[in-house]
């Protein structure tokens, strides 16, 4: 995992929180929820390959 990934996740978190606050104050709470969900899915798509790699490493480590 590179430091670049951590910075991208932090940037998405900041962007989602700012957009969420703006949308909530303008009365569009449904859109704020969808923005939060989209940010979560984006970060999960970035993280899933690293989680898969971790499980594969543990699998080979214990020879399962």
C-alpha atoms as a PDB file:
ATOM      1  CA  UNK A   1       0.000   0.000   0.000  1.00  0.00           C
ATOM      2  CA  UNK A   2       1.435   3.338  -0.979  1.00  0.00           C
ATOM      3  CA  UNK A   3       1.139   6.683   0.732  1.00  0.00           C
ATOM      4  CA  UNK A   4      -0.595   7.905  -2.424  1.00  0.00           C
ATOM      5  CA  UNK A   5      -3.607   5.704  -1.638  1.00  0.00           C
ATOM      6  CA  UNK A   6      -3.869   7.137   1.869  1.00  0.00           C
ATOM      7  CA  UNK A   7      -3.830  10.667   0.492  1.00  0.00           C
ATOM      8  CA  UNK A   8      -6.516   9.800  -2.074  1.00  0.00           C
ATOM      9  CA  UNK A   9      -8.734   8.323   0.653  1.00  0.00           C
ATOM     10  CA  UNK A  10      -8.240  11.425   2.792  1.00  0.00           C
ATOM     11  CA  UNK A  11      -9.084  13.680  -0.154  1.00  0.00           C
ATOM     12  CA  UNK A  12     -12.280  11.748  -0.848  1.00  0.00           C
ATOM     13  CA  UNK A  13     -13.215  11.970   2.837  1.00  0.00           C
ATOM     14  CA  UNK A  14     -12.714  15.734   2.928  1.00  0.00           C
ATOM     15  CA  UNK A  15     -14.594  16.244  -0.313  1.00  0.00           C
ATOM     16  CA  UNK A  16     -17.510  14.061   0.779  1.00  0.00           C
ATOM     17  CA  UNK A  17     -17.803  15.800   4.140  1.00  0.00           C
ATOM     18  CA  UNK A  18     -17.777  19.282   2.585  1.00  0.00           C
ATOM     19  CA  UNK A  19     -20.300  18.329  -0.078  1.00  0.00           C
ATOM     20  CA  UNK A  20     -22.439  16.587   2.527  1.00  0.00           C
ATOM     21  CA  UNK A  21     -22.550  19.670   4.743  1.00  0.00           C
ATOM     22  CA  UNK A  22     -23.397  21.946   1.825  1.00  0.00           C
ATOM     23  CA  UNK A  23     -26.178  19.651   0.679  1.00  0.00           C
ATOM     24  CA  UNK A  24     -27.578  19.217   4.196  1.00  0.00           C
ATOM     25  CA  UNK A  25     -27.722  22.971   4.775  1.00  0.00           C
ATOM     26  CA  UNK A  26     -29.486  23.459   1.457  1.00  0.00           C
ATOM     27  CA  UNK A  27     -32.139  20.913   2.441  1.00  0.00           C
ATOM     28  CA  UNK A  28     -31.077  18.072   0.183  1.00  0.00           C
ATOM     29  CA  UNK A  29     -30.343  15.400   2.737  1.00  0.00           C
ATOM     30  CA  UNK A  30     -31.091  12.584   0.289  1.00  0.00           C
ATOM     31  CA  UNK A  31     -28.392  13.814  -2.062  1.00  0.00           C
ATOM     32  CA  UNK A  32     -25.967  14.162   0.847  1.00  0.00           C
ATOM     33  CA  UNK A  33     -26.602  10.532   1.748  1.00  0.00           C
ATOM     34  CA  UNK A  34     -25.997   9.447  -1.848  1.00  0.00           C
ATOM     35  CA  UNK A  35     -22.738  11.411  -1.971  1.00  0.00           C
ATOM     36  CA  UNK A  36     -21.605   9.682   1.230  1.00  0.00           C
ATOM     37  CA  UNK A  37     -22.534   6.296  -0.183  1.00  0.00           C
ATOM     38  CA  UNK A  38     -20.700   7.009  -3.437  1.00  0.00           C
ATOM     39  CA  UNK A  39     -17.578   8.050  -1.520  1.00  0.00           C
ATOM     40  CA  UNK A  40     -17.713   4.885   0.545  1.00  0.00           C
ATOM     41  CA  UNK A  41     -18.065   2.687  -2.539  1.00  0.00           C
ATOM     42  CA  UNK A  42     -15.208   4.462  -4.295  1.00  0.00           C
ATOM     43  CA  UNK A  43     -12.874   3.916  -1.357  1.00  0.00           C
ATOM     44  CA  UNK A  44     -13.972   0.287  -1.048  1.00  0.00           C
ATOM     45  CA  UNK A  45     -13.144  -0.331  -4.708  1.00  0.00           C
ATOM     46  CA  UNK A  46      -9.662   1.049  -4.037  1.00  0.00           C
ATOM     47  CA  UNK A  47      -9.153  -1.050  -0.879  1.00  0.00           C
ATOM     48  CA  UNK A  48     -10.571  -4.435  -1.970  1.00  0.00           C
ATOM     49  CA  UNK A  49      -7.458  -5.535  -3.940  1.00  0.00           C
ATOM     50  CA  UNK A  50      -5.269  -4.900  -0.896  1.00  0.00           C
ATOM     51  CA  UNK A  51      -7.637  -6.884   1.343  1.00  0.00           C
ATOM     52  CA  UNK A  52      -7.587  -9.752  -1.172  1.00  0.00           C
ATOM     53  CA  UNK A  53      -3.799  -9.649  -1.210  1.00  0.00           C
ATOM     54  CA  UNK A  54      -3.739  -9.741   2.595  1.00  0.00           C
ATOM     55  CA  UNK A  55      -5.975 -12.817   2.715  1.00  0.00           C
ATOM     56  CA  UNK A  56      -3.885 -14.551   0.062  1.00  0.00           C
ATOM     57  CA  UNK A  57      -0.719 -13.845   2.036  1.00  0.00           C
ATOM     58  CA  UNK A  58      -2.271 -15.205   5.226  1.00  0.00           C
ATOM     59  CA  UNK A  59      -3.490 -18.253   3.310  1.00  0.00           C
ATOM     60  CA  UNK A  60      -0.016 -19.015   1.981  1.00  0.00           C
ATOM     61  CA  UNK A  61       1.564 -18.270   5.345  1.00  0.00           C
ATOM     62  CA  UNK A  62      -0.529 -20.899   7.105  1.00  0.00           C
ATOM     63  CA  UNK A  63      -0.633 -23.204   4.060  1.00  0.00           C
ATOM     64  CA  UNK A  64      -4.394 -23.557   4.036  1.00  0.00           C
END
